[in-house]
């Protein structure tokens, strides 16, 4: 029983040390792990439908989801990409026929 009590502080220290955030290696100067996206995807195609009928489509070369004080999504060129990448949004009418397209 005394051995268990002696090990308790050691176990608590191990748990606390294991839960603390360690510096990430390989990040650019000034970038913190909290600045990085929660998830990333490349060559994204998102579609919304209603009863099997297309309502909208989004195509993007890169998507990043961020969480923090508020959640938001970035669509566009990947970080560090110097080429102009197109994000396309297509809208459909109630019958699923194309009614408009936006490219940015």
PDB file of N, CA and C in Angstrom:
ATOM      1  N   UNK A   1       0.826  -1.187   0.000  1.00  0.00           N
ATOM      2  CA  UNK A   1       0.000   0.000   0.000  1.00  0.00           C
ATOM      3  C   UNK A   1       0.871   1.251   0.000  1.00  0.00           C
ATOM      4  N   UNK A   2       1.973   1.257   0.731  1.00  0.00           N
ATOM      5  CA  UNK A   2       2.851   2.421   0.737  1.00  0.00           C
ATOM      6  C   UNK A   2       3.551   2.587  -0.604  1.00  0.00           C
ATOM      7  N   UNK A   3       3.805   1.495  -1.310  1.00  0.00           N
ATOM      8  CA  UNK A   3       4.415   1.587  -2.630  1.00  0.00           C
ATOM      9  C   UNK A   3       3.471   2.288  -3.610  1.00  0.00           C
ATOM     10  N   UNK A   4       2.161   1.992  -3.507  1.00  0.00           N
ATOM     11  CA  UNK A   4       1.165   2.628  -4.373  1.00  0.00           C
ATOM     12  C   UNK A   4       1.103   4.126  -4.109  1.00  0.00           C
ATOM     13  N   UNK A   5       1.158   4.517  -2.852  1.00  0.00           N
ATOM     14  CA  UNK A   5       1.121   5.946  -2.526  1.00  0.00           C
ATOM     15  C   UNK A   5       2.383   6.646  -2.983  1.00  0.00           C
ATOM     16  N   UNK A   6       3.491   5.951  -2.981  1.00  0.00           N
ATOM     17  CA  UNK A   6       4.747   6.552  -3.441  1.00  0.00           C
ATOM     18  C   UNK A   6       4.742   6.721  -4.960  1.00  0.00           C
ATOM     19  N   UNK A   7       4.075   5.843  -5.663  1.00  0.00           N
ATOM     20  CA  UNK A   7       4.031   5.914  -7.118  1.00  0.00           C
ATOM     21  C   UNK A   7       2.999   6.908  -7.637  1.00  0.00           C
ATOM     22  N   UNK A   8       2.021   7.274  -6.832  1.00  0.00           N
ATOM     23  CA  UNK A   8       0.962   8.183  -7.256  1.00  0.00           C
ATOM     24  C   UNK A   8       1.504   9.518  -7.767  1.00  0.00           C
ATOM     25  N   UNK A   9       2.397  10.213  -7.034  1.00  0.00           N
ATOM     26  CA  UNK A   9       2.928  11.471  -7.577  1.00  0.00           C
ATOM     27  C   UNK A   9       3.689  11.280  -8.897  1.00  0.00           C
ATOM     28  N   UNK A  10       4.384  10.170  -9.030  1.00  0.00           N
ATOM     29  CA  UNK A  10       5.123   9.898 -10.263  1.00  0.00           C
ATOM     30  C   UNK A  10       4.153   9.700 -11.419  1.00  0.00           C
ATOM     31  N   UNK A  11       3.091   8.950 -11.188  1.00  0.00           N
ATOM     32  CA  UNK A  11       2.093   8.734 -12.234  1.00  0.00           C
ATOM     33  C   UNK A  11       1.421  10.038 -12.641  1.00  0.00           C
ATOM     34  N   UNK A  12       1.107  10.886 -11.669  1.00  0.00           N
ATOM     35  CA  UNK A  12       0.493  12.186 -11.969  1.00  0.00           C
ATOM     36  C   UNK A  12       1.435  13.031 -12.814  1.00  0.00           C
ATOM     37  N   UNK A  13       2.724  13.057 -12.487  1.00  0.00           N
ATOM     38  CA  UNK A  13       3.694  13.835 -13.261  1.00  0.00           C
ATOM     39  C   UNK A  13       3.817  13.294 -14.677  1.00  0.00           C
ATOM     40  N   UNK A  14       3.791  11.977 -14.844  1.00  0.00           N
ATOM     41  CA  UNK A  14       3.881  11.377 -16.178  1.00  0.00           C
ATOM     42  C   UNK A  14       2.661  11.765 -17.003  1.00  0.00           C
ATOM     43  N   UNK A  15       1.477  11.710 -16.396  1.00  0.00           N
ATOM     44  CA  UNK A  15       0.260  12.092 -17.115  1.00  0.00           C
ATOM     45  C   UNK A  15       0.277  13.556 -17.507  1.00  0.00           C
ATOM     46  N   UNK A  16       0.681  14.427 -16.603  1.00  0.00           N
ATOM     47  CA  UNK A  16       0.733  15.857 -16.907  1.00  0.00           C
ATOM     48  C   UNK A  16       1.757  16.124 -18.003  1.00  0.00           C
ATOM     49  N   UNK A  17       2.901  15.512 -17.936  1.00  0.00           N
ATOM     50  CA  UNK A  17       3.933  15.703 -18.954  1.00  0.00           C
ATOM     51  C   UNK A  17       3.468  15.177 -20.300  1.00  0.00           C
ATOM     52  N   UNK A  18       2.718  14.093 -20.301  1.00  0.00           N
ATOM     53  CA  UNK A  18       2.223  13.535 -21.557  1.00  0.00           C
ATOM     54  C   UNK A  18       1.126  14.368 -22.184  1.00  0.00           C
ATOM     55  N   UNK A  19       0.411  15.169 -21.400  1.00  0.00           N
ATOM     56  CA  UNK A  19      -0.692  15.972 -21.908  1.00  0.00           C
ATOM     57  C   UNK A  19      -0.282  17.384 -22.303  1.00  0.00           C
ATOM     58  N   UNK A  20       0.906  17.811 -21.945  1.00  0.00           N
ATOM     59  CA  UNK A  20       1.333  19.157 -22.308  1.00  0.00           C
ATOM     60  C   UNK A  20       1.768  19.182 -23.757  1.00  0.00           C
ATOM     61  N   UNK A  21       1.508  20.306 -24.411  1.00  0.00           N
ATOM     62  CA  UNK A  21       1.847  20.456 -25.826  1.00  0.00           C
ATOM     63  C   UNK A  21       3.348  20.678 -25.967  1.00  0.00           C
ATOM     64  N   UNK A  22       3.941  19.878 -26.811  1.00  0.00           N
ATOM     65  CA  UNK A  22       5.367  20.015 -27.089  1.00  0.00           C
ATOM     66  C   UNK A  22       5.550  20.839 -28.357  1.00  0.00           C
ATOM     67  N   UNK A  23       6.637  21.575 -28.462  1.00  0.00           N
ATOM     68  CA  UNK A  23       6.876  22.341 -29.687  1.00  0.00           C
ATOM     69  C   UNK A  23       6.935  21.410 -30.896  1.00  0.00           C
ATOM     70  N   UNK A  24       6.330  21.843 -31.980  1.00  0.00           N
ATOM     71  CA  UNK A  24       6.334  21.069 -33.214  1.00  0.00           C
ATOM     72  C   UNK A  24       7.603  21.392 -33.984  1.00  0.00           C
ATOM     73  N   UNK A  25       8.304  20.382 -34.415  1.00  0.00           N
ATOM     74  CA  UNK A  25       9.505  20.625 -35.205  1.00  0.00           C
ATOM     75  C   UNK A  25       9.120  20.783 -36.665  1.00  0.00           C
ATOM     76  N   UNK A  26       9.865  21.592 -37.376  1.00  0.00           N
ATOM     77  CA  UNK A  26       9.643  21.770 -38.800  1.00  0.00           C
ATOM     78  C   UNK A  26       8.661  22.875 -39.156  1.00  0.00           C
ATOM     79  N   UNK A  27       8.096  23.586 -38.176  1.00  0.00           N
ATOM     80  CA  UNK A  27       7.185  24.686 -38.479  1.00  0.00           C
ATOM     81  C   UNK A  27       7.981  25.936 -38.828  1.00  0.00           C
ATOM     82  N   UNK A  28       7.463  26.760 -39.742  1.00  0.00           N
ATOM     83  CA  UNK A  28       8.145  28.018 -40.053  1.00  0.00           C
ATOM     84  C   UNK A  28       8.224  28.907 -38.818  1.00  0.00           C
ATOM     85  N   UNK A  29       9.208  29.797 -38.766  1.00  0.00           N
ATOM     86  CA  UNK A  29       9.321  30.699 -37.616  1.00  0.00           C
ATOM     87  C   UNK A  29       8.040  31.519 -37.436  1.00  0.00           C
ATOM     88  N   UNK A  30       7.583  31.629 -36.216  1.00  0.00           N
ATOM     89  CA  UNK A  30       6.390  32.413 -35.908  1.00  0.00           C
ATOM     90  C   UNK A  30       5.083  31.654 -36.060  1.00  0.00           C
ATOM     91  N   UNK A  31       5.110  30.426 -36.544  1.00  0.00           N
ATOM     92  CA  UNK A  31       3.893  29.632 -36.714  1.00  0.00           C
ATOM     93  C   UNK A  31       3.760  28.691 -35.532  1.00  0.00           C
ATOM     94  N   UNK A  32       2.616  28.713 -34.909  1.00  0.00           N
ATOM     95  CA  UNK A  32       2.326  27.832 -33.781  1.00  0.00           C
ATOM     96  C   UNK A  32       1.438  26.686 -34.258  1.00  0.00           C
ATOM     97  N   UNK A  33       1.418  25.612 -33.514  1.00  0.00           N
ATOM     98  CA  UNK A  33       0.584  24.457 -33.872  1.00  0.00           C
ATOM     99  C   UNK A  33      -0.892  24.860 -33.920  1.00  0.00           C
ATOM    100  N   UNK A  34      -1.302  25.830 -33.093  1.00  0.00           N
ATOM    101  CA  UNK A  34      -2.687  26.283 -33.083  1.00  0.00           C
ATOM    102  C   UNK A  34      -3.068  26.982 -34.381  1.00  0.00           C
ATOM    103  N   UNK A  35      -2.081  27.485 -35.153  1.00  0.00           N
ATOM    104  CA  UNK A  35      -2.342  28.174 -36.411  1.00  0.00           C
ATOM    105  C   UNK A  35      -2.609  27.204 -37.557  1.00  0.00           C
ATOM    106  N   UNK A  36      -2.293  25.941 -37.363  1.00  0.00           N
ATOM    107  CA  UNK A  36      -2.434  24.953 -38.427  1.00  0.00           C
ATOM    108  C   UNK A  36      -3.874  24.480 -38.533  1.00  0.00           C
ATOM    109  N   UNK A  37      -4.289  24.057 -39.732  1.00  0.00           N
ATOM    110  CA  UNK A  37      -5.662  23.577 -39.883  1.00  0.00           C
ATOM    111  C   UNK A  37      -5.895  22.260 -39.161  1.00  0.00           C
ATOM    112  N   UNK A  38      -7.130  22.052 -38.777  1.00  0.00           N
ATOM    113  CA  UNK A  38      -7.530  20.789 -38.150  1.00  0.00           C
ATOM    114  C   UNK A  38      -7.468  19.652 -39.161  1.00  0.00           C
ATOM    115  N   UNK A  39      -7.839  19.945 -40.418  1.00  0.00           N
ATOM    116  CA  UNK A  39      -7.750  18.944 -41.482  1.00  0.00           C
ATOM    117  C   UNK A  39      -7.537  19.654 -42.814  1.00  0.00           C
ATOM    118  N   UNK A  40      -6.971  18.934 -43.763  1.00  0.00           N
ATOM    119  CA  UNK A  40      -6.696  19.469 -45.093  1.00  0.00           C
ATOM    120  C   UNK A  40      -7.107  18.433 -46.137  1.00  0.00           C
ATOM    121  N   UNK A  41      -7.529  18.918 -47.315  1.00  0.00           N
ATOM    122  CA  UNK A  41      -7.854  18.047 -48.444  1.00  0.00           C
ATOM    123  C   UNK A  41      -7.404  18.735 -49.722  1.00  0.00           C
ATOM    124  N   UNK A  42      -7.005  17.939 -50.696  1.00  0.00           N
ATOM    125  CA  UNK A  42      -6.581  18.464 -51.991  1.00  0.00           C
ATOM    126  C   UNK A  42      -7.537  17.958 -53.062  1.00  0.00           C
ATOM    127  N   UNK A  43      -7.706  18.783 -54.129  1.00  0.00           N
ATOM    128  CA  UNK A  43      -8.597  18.459 -55.258  1.00  0.00           C
ATOM    129  C   UNK A  43      -9.980  18.067 -54.750  1.00  0.00           C
ATOM    130  N   UNK A  44     -10.620  19.025 -54.081  1.00  0.00           N
ATOM    131  CA  UNK A  44     -11.886  18.805 -53.391  1.00  0.00           C
ATOM    132  C   UNK A  44     -13.060  19.000 -54.342  1.00  0.00           C
ATOM    133  N   UNK A  45     -14.047  18.126 -54.238  1.00  0.00           N
ATOM    134  CA  UNK A  45     -15.322  18.268 -54.930  1.00  0.00           C
ATOM    135  C   UNK A  45     -16.428  18.064 -53.904  1.00  0.00           C
ATOM    136  N   UNK A  46     -17.179  19.130 -53.618  1.00  0.00           N
ATOM    137  CA  UNK A  46     -18.279  19.078 -52.657  1.00  0.00           C
ATOM    138  C   UNK A  46     -19.585  19.243 -53.419  1.00  0.00           C
ATOM    139  N   UNK A  47     -20.576  18.422 -53.088  1.00  0.00           N
ATOM    140  CA  UNK A  47     -21.876  18.498 -53.755  1.00  0.00           C
ATOM    141  C   UNK A  47     -22.983  18.493 -52.708  1.00  0.00           C
ATOM    142  N   UNK A  48     -24.006  19.305 -52.972  1.00  0.00           N
ATOM    143  CA  UNK A  48     -25.205  19.234 -52.149  1.00  0.00           C
ATOM    144  C   UNK A  48     -26.355  18.801 -53.048  1.00  0.00           C
ATOM    145  N   UNK A  49     -27.214  17.944 -52.517  1.00  0.00           N
ATOM    146  CA  UNK A  49     -28.380  17.470 -53.256  1.00  0.00           C
ATOM    147  C   UNK A  49     -29.605  17.535 -52.361  1.00  0.00           C
ATOM    148  N   UNK A  50     -30.749  17.563 -52.992  1.00  0.00           N
ATOM    149  CA  UNK A  50     -32.019  17.501 -52.280  1.00  0.00           C
ATOM    150  C   UNK A  50     -32.861  16.454 -52.989  1.00  0.00           C
ATOM    151  N   UNK A  51     -33.169  15.383 -52.313  1.00  0.00           N
ATOM    152  CA  UNK A  51     -33.919  14.264 -52.898  1.00  0.00           C
ATOM    153  C   UNK A  51     -33.255  13.751 -54.167  1.00  0.00           C
ATOM    154  N   UNK A  52     -31.924  13.701 -54.186  1.00  0.00           N
ATOM    155  CA  UNK A  52     -31.188  13.179 -55.334  1.00  0.00           C
ATOM    156  C   UNK A  52     -30.961  14.181 -56.447  1.00  0.00           C
ATOM    157  N   UNK A  53     -31.481  15.409 -56.326  1.00  0.00           N
ATOM    158  CA  UNK A  53     -31.318  16.445 -57.348  1.00  0.00           C
ATOM    159  C   UNK A  53     -30.212  17.400 -56.921  1.00  0.00           C
ATOM    160  N   UNK A  54     -29.245  17.640 -57.818  1.00  0.00           N
ATOM    161  CA  UNK A  54     -28.119  18.534 -57.497  1.00  0.00           C
ATOM    162  C   UNK A  54     -28.610  19.935 -57.192  1.00  0.00           C
ATOM    163  N   UNK A  55     -28.043  20.534 -56.152  1.00  0.00           N
ATOM    164  CA  UNK A  55     -28.310  21.934 -55.817  1.00  0.00           C
ATOM    165  C   UNK A  55     -27.083  22.802 -56.052  1.00  0.00           C
ATOM    166  N   UNK A  56     -25.907  22.284 -55.664  1.00  0.00           N
ATOM    167  CA  UNK A  56     -24.672  23.041 -55.849  1.00  0.00           C
ATOM    168  C   UNK A  56     -23.487  22.092 -55.897  1.00  0.00           C
ATOM    169  N   UNK A  57     -22.410  22.570 -56.529  1.00  0.00           N
ATOM    170  CA  UNK A  57     -21.132  21.854 -56.574  1.00  0.00           C
ATOM    171  C   UNK A  57     -20.025  22.861 -56.364  1.00  0.00           C
ATOM    172  N   UNK A  58     -19.029  22.492 -55.588  1.00  0.00           N
ATOM    173  CA  UNK A  58     -17.847  23.321 -55.375  1.00  0.00           C
ATOM    174  C   UNK A  58     -16.630  22.471 -55.697  1.00  0.00           C
ATOM    175  N   UNK A  59     -15.729  23.013 -56.512  1.00  0.00           N
ATOM    176  CA  UNK A  59     -14.449  22.368 -56.793  1.00  0.00           C
ATOM    177  C   UNK A  59     -13.343  23.323 -56.377  1.00  0.00           C
ATOM    178  N   UNK A  60     -12.376  22.784 -55.646  1.00  0.00           N
ATOM    179  CA  UNK A  60     -11.266  23.602 -55.167  1.00  0.00           C
ATOM    180  C   UNK A  60     -10.000  22.755 -55.138  1.00  0.00           C
ATOM    181  N   UNK A  61      -8.845  23.358 -55.467  1.00  0.00           N
ATOM    182  CA  UNK A  61      -7.607  22.596 -55.397  1.00  0.00           C
ATOM    183  C   UNK A  61      -7.181  22.278 -53.968  1.00  0.00           C
ATOM    184  N   UNK A  62      -7.735  23.020 -52.976  1.00  0.00           N
ATOM    185  CA  UNK A  62      -7.306  22.838 -51.588  1.00  0.00           C
ATOM    186  C   UNK A  62      -8.421  23.285 -50.661  1.00  0.00           C
ATOM    187  N   UNK A  63      -8.609  22.546 -49.572  1.00  0.00           N
ATOM    188  CA  UNK A  63      -9.568  22.900 -48.535  1.00  0.00           C
ATOM    189  C   UNK A  63      -8.903  22.688 -47.189  1.00  0.00           C
ATOM    190  N   UNK A  64      -9.023  23.665 -46.310  1.00  0.00           N
ATOM    191  CA  UNK A  64      -8.481  23.552 -44.949  1.00  0.00           C
ATOM    192  C   UNK A  64      -9.591  23.916 -43.972  1.00  0.00           C
ATOM    193  N   UNK A  65      -9.771  23.070 -42.960  1.00  0.00           N
ATOM    194  CA  UNK A  65     -10.764  23.329 -41.912  1.00  0.00           C
ATOM    195  C   UNK A  65     -10.022  23.742 -40.657  1.00  0.00           C
ATOM    196  N   UNK A  66     -10.416  24.893 -40.121  1.00  0.00           N
ATOM    197  CA  UNK A  66      -9.813  25.428 -38.909  1.00  0.00           C
ATOM    198  C   UNK A  66     -10.854  25.420 -37.798  1.00  0.00           C
ATOM    199  N   UNK A  67     -10.400  25.147 -36.581  1.00  0.00           N
ATOM    200  CA  UNK A  67     -11.271  25.257 -35.420  1.00  0.00           C
ATOM    201  C   UNK A  67     -10.544  26.109 -34.393  1.00  0.00           C
ATOM    202  N   UNK A  68     -11.280  26.691 -33.551  1.00  0.00           N
ATOM    203  CA  UNK A  68     -10.720  27.561 -32.517  1.00  0.00           C
ATOM    204  C   UNK A  68     -11.874  28.309 -31.895  1.00  0.00           C
ATOM    205  N   UNK A  69     -11.765  29.639 -31.821  1.00  0.00           N
ATOM    206  CA  UNK A  69     -12.876  30.439 -31.313  1.00  0.00           C
ATOM    207  C   UNK A  69     -14.101  30.269 -32.204  1.00  0.00           C
ATOM    208  N   UNK A  70     -13.859  30.121 -33.515  1.00  0.00           N
ATOM    209  CA  UNK A  70     -14.935  29.841 -34.460  1.00  0.00           C
ATOM    210  C   UNK A  70     -14.386  28.888 -35.517  1.00  0.00           C
ATOM    211  N   UNK A  71     -15.251  28.115 -36.129  1.00  0.00           N
ATOM    212  CA  UNK A  71     -14.832  27.181 -37.164  1.00  0.00           C
ATOM    213  C   UNK A  71     -14.995  27.849 -38.529  1.00  0.00           C
ATOM    214  N   UNK A  72     -14.016  27.664 -39.401  1.00  0.00           N
ATOM    215  CA  UNK A  72     -14.141  28.174 -40.751  1.00  0.00           C
ATOM    216  C   UNK A  72     -13.371  27.280 -41.709  1.00  0.00           C
ATOM    217  N   UNK A  73     -13.705  27.439 -42.995  1.00  0.00           N
ATOM    218  CA  UNK A  73     -13.111  26.631 -44.049  1.00  0.00           C
ATOM    219  C   UNK A  73     -12.452  27.574 -45.049  1.00  0.00           C
ATOM    220  N   UNK A  74     -11.248  27.225 -45.465  1.00  0.00           N
ATOM    221  CA  UNK A  74     -10.528  27.972 -46.493  1.00  0.00           C
ATOM    222  C   UNK A  74     -10.565  27.146 -47.777  1.00  0.00           C
ATOM    223  N   UNK A  75     -10.954  27.761 -48.889  1.00  0.00           N
ATOM    224  CA  UNK A  75     -10.920  27.145 -50.212  1.00  0.00           C
ATOM    225  C   UNK A  75      -9.993  27.976 -51.090  1.00  0.00           C
ATOM    226  N   UNK A  76      -9.102  27.340 -51.820  1.00  0.00           N
ATOM    227  CA  UNK A  76      -8.212  28.080 -52.704  1.00  0.00           C
ATOM    228  C   UNK A  76      -6.929  27.336 -52.941  1.00  0.00           C
ATOM    229  N   UNK A  77      -5.895  28.079 -53.319  1.00  0.00           N
ATOM    230  CA  UNK A  77      -4.605  27.426 -53.553  1.00  0.00           C
ATOM    231  C   UNK A  77      -3.985  26.964 -52.240  1.00  0.00           C
ATOM    232  N   UNK A  78      -3.239  25.872 -52.265  1.00  0.00           N
ATOM    233  CA  UNK A  78      -2.554  25.418 -51.054  1.00  0.00           C
ATOM    234  C   UNK A  78      -1.517  26.439 -50.599  1.00  0.00           C
ATOM    235  N   UNK A  79      -1.171  26.440 -49.328  1.00  0.00           N
ATOM    236  CA  UNK A  79      -0.142  27.357 -48.840  1.00  0.00           C
ATOM    237  C   UNK A  79       1.162  27.169 -49.613  1.00  0.00           C
ATOM    238  N   UNK A  80       1.755  28.270 -50.004  1.00  0.00           N
ATOM    239  CA  UNK A  80       3.022  28.224 -50.720  1.00  0.00           C
ATOM    240  C   UNK A  80       2.881  28.025 -52.213  1.00  0.00           C
ATOM    241  N   UNK A  81       1.669  27.808 -52.711  1.00  0.00           N
ATOM    242  CA  UNK A  81       1.446  27.627 -54.147  1.00  0.00           C
ATOM    243  C   UNK A  81       1.388  29.003 -54.796  1.00  0.00           C
ATOM    244  N   UNK A  82       2.258  29.249 -55.763  1.00  0.00           N
ATOM    245  CA  UNK A  82       2.307  30.561 -56.407  1.00  0.00           C
ATOM    246  C   UNK A  82       1.429  30.634 -57.650  1.00  0.00           C
ATOM    247  N   UNK A  83       0.901  29.508 -58.098  1.00  0.00           N
ATOM    248  CA  UNK A  83       0.037  29.513 -59.274  1.00  0.00           C
ATOM    249  C   UNK A  83      -1.379  29.895 -58.875  1.00  0.00           C
ATOM    250  N   UNK A  84      -2.050  30.622 -59.774  1.00  0.00           N
ATOM    251  CA  UNK A  84      -3.436  30.990 -59.515  1.00  0.00           C
ATOM    252  C   UNK A  84      -4.313  29.753 -59.697  1.00  0.00           C
ATOM    253  N   UNK A  85      -4.943  29.312 -58.632  1.00  0.00           N
ATOM    254  CA  UNK A  85      -5.816  28.142 -58.691  1.00  0.00           C
ATOM    255  C   UNK A  85      -7.267  28.607 -58.696  1.00  0.00           C
ATOM    256  N   UNK A  86      -8.078  27.931 -59.467  1.00  0.00           N
ATOM    257  CA  UNK A  86      -9.471  28.326 -59.617  1.00  0.00           C
ATOM    258  C   UNK A  86     -10.354  27.527 -58.657  1.00  0.00           C
ATOM    259  N   UNK A  87     -11.232  28.251 -57.985  1.00  0.00           N
ATOM    260  CA  UNK A  87     -12.290  27.631 -57.196  1.00  0.00           C
ATOM    261  C   UNK A  87     -13.570  27.864 -57.980  1.00  0.00           C
ATOM    262  N   UNK A  88     -14.321  26.807 -58.248  1.00  0.00           N
ATOM    263  CA  UNK A  88     -15.538  26.909 -59.045  1.00  0.00           C
ATOM    264  C   UNK A  88     -16.751  26.541 -58.206  1.00  0.00           C
ATOM    265  N   UNK A  89     -17.813  27.336 -58.351  1.00  0.00           N
ATOM    266  CA  UNK A  89     -19.094  27.077 -57.710  1.00  0.00           C
ATOM    267  C   UNK A  89     -20.143  26.997 -58.804  1.00  0.00           C
ATOM    268  N   UNK A  90     -20.877  25.903 -58.868  1.00  0.00           N
ATOM    269  CA  UNK A  90     -21.953  25.735 -59.831  1.00  0.00           C
ATOM    270  C   UNK A  90     -23.268  25.582 -59.075  1.00  0.00           C
ATOM    271  N   UNK A  91     -24.291  26.302 -59.546  1.00  0.00           N
ATOM    272  CA  UNK A  91     -25.614  26.242 -58.934  1.00  0.00           C
ATOM    273  C   UNK A  91     -26.587  25.599 -59.916  1.00  0.00           C
ATOM    274  N   UNK A  92     -27.595  24.906 -59.373  1.00  0.00           N
ATOM    275  CA  UNK A  92     -28.572  24.196 -60.184  1.00  0.00           C
ATOM    276  C   UNK A  92     -29.980  24.645 -59.797  1.00  0.00           C
ATOM    277  N   UNK A  93     -30.923  24.542 -60.764  1.00  0.00           N
ATOM    278  CA  UNK A  93     -32.315  24.895 -60.469  1.00  0.00           C
ATOM    279  C   UNK A  93     -33.018  23.720 -59.794  1.00  0.00           C
ATOM    280  N   UNK A  94     -34.333  23.861 -59.585  1.00  0.00           N
ATOM    281  CA  UNK A  94     -35.095  22.835 -58.870  1.00  0.00           C
ATOM    282  C   UNK A  94     -35.118  21.491 -59.591  1.00  0.00           C
ATOM    283  N   UNK A  95     -34.920  21.502 -60.917  1.00  0.00           N
ATOM    284  CA  UNK A  95     -34.900  20.262 -61.690  1.00  0.00           C
ATOM    285  C   UNK A  95     -33.493  19.674 -61.804  1.00  0.00           C
ATOM    286  N   UNK A  96     -32.503  20.335 -61.230  1.00  0.00           N
ATOM    287  CA  UNK A  96     -31.131  19.851 -61.302  1.00  0.00           C
ATOM    288  C   UNK A  96     -30.379  20.302 -62.537  1.00  0.00           C
ATOM    289  N   UNK A  97     -30.935  21.280 -63.254  1.00  0.00           N
ATOM    290  CA  UNK A  97     -30.268  21.813 -64.439  1.00  0.00           C
ATOM    291  C   UNK A  97     -29.359  22.973 -64.040  1.00  0.00           C
ATOM    292  N   UNK A  98     -28.185  23.090 -64.673  1.00  0.00           N
ATOM    293  CA  UNK A  98     -27.266  24.193 -64.322  1.00  0.00           C
ATOM    294  C   UNK A  98     -27.934  25.549 -64.531  1.00  0.00           C
ATOM    295  N   UNK A  99     -27.753  26.453 -63.566  1.00  0.00           N
ATOM    296  CA  UNK A  99     -28.320  27.793 -63.710  1.00  0.00           C
ATOM    297  C   UNK A  99     -27.278  28.887 -63.541  1.00  0.00           C
ATOM    298  N   UNK A 100     -26.069  28.540 -63.093  1.00  0.00           N
ATOM    299  CA  UNK A 100     -25.034  29.549 -62.962  1.00  0.00           C
ATOM    300  C   UNK A 100     -23.731  28.960 -62.472  1.00  0.00           C
ATOM    301  N   UNK A 101     -22.653  29.687 -62.763  1.00  0.00           N
ATOM    302  CA  UNK A 101     -21.327  29.244 -62.327  1.00  0.00           C
ATOM    303  C   UNK A 101     -20.495  30.459 -61.957  1.00  0.00           C
ATOM    304  N   UNK A 102     -19.730  30.318 -60.907  1.00  0.00           N
ATOM    305  CA  UNK A 102     -18.804  31.367 -60.470  1.00  0.00           C
ATOM    306  C   UNK A 102     -17.433  30.750 -60.354  1.00  0.00           C
ATOM    307  N   UNK A 103     -16.425  31.434 -60.865  1.00  0.00           N
ATOM    308  CA  UNK A 103     -15.039  30.997 -60.714  1.00  0.00           C
ATOM    309  C   UNK A 103     -14.242  32.135 -60.098  1.00  0.00           C
ATOM    310  N   UNK A 104     -13.414  31.787 -59.144  1.00  0.00           N
ATOM    311  CA  UNK A 104     -12.598  32.829 -58.487  1.00  0.00           C
ATOM    312  C   UNK A 104     -11.206  32.293 -58.279  1.00  0.00           C
TER     313      UNK A 104
END
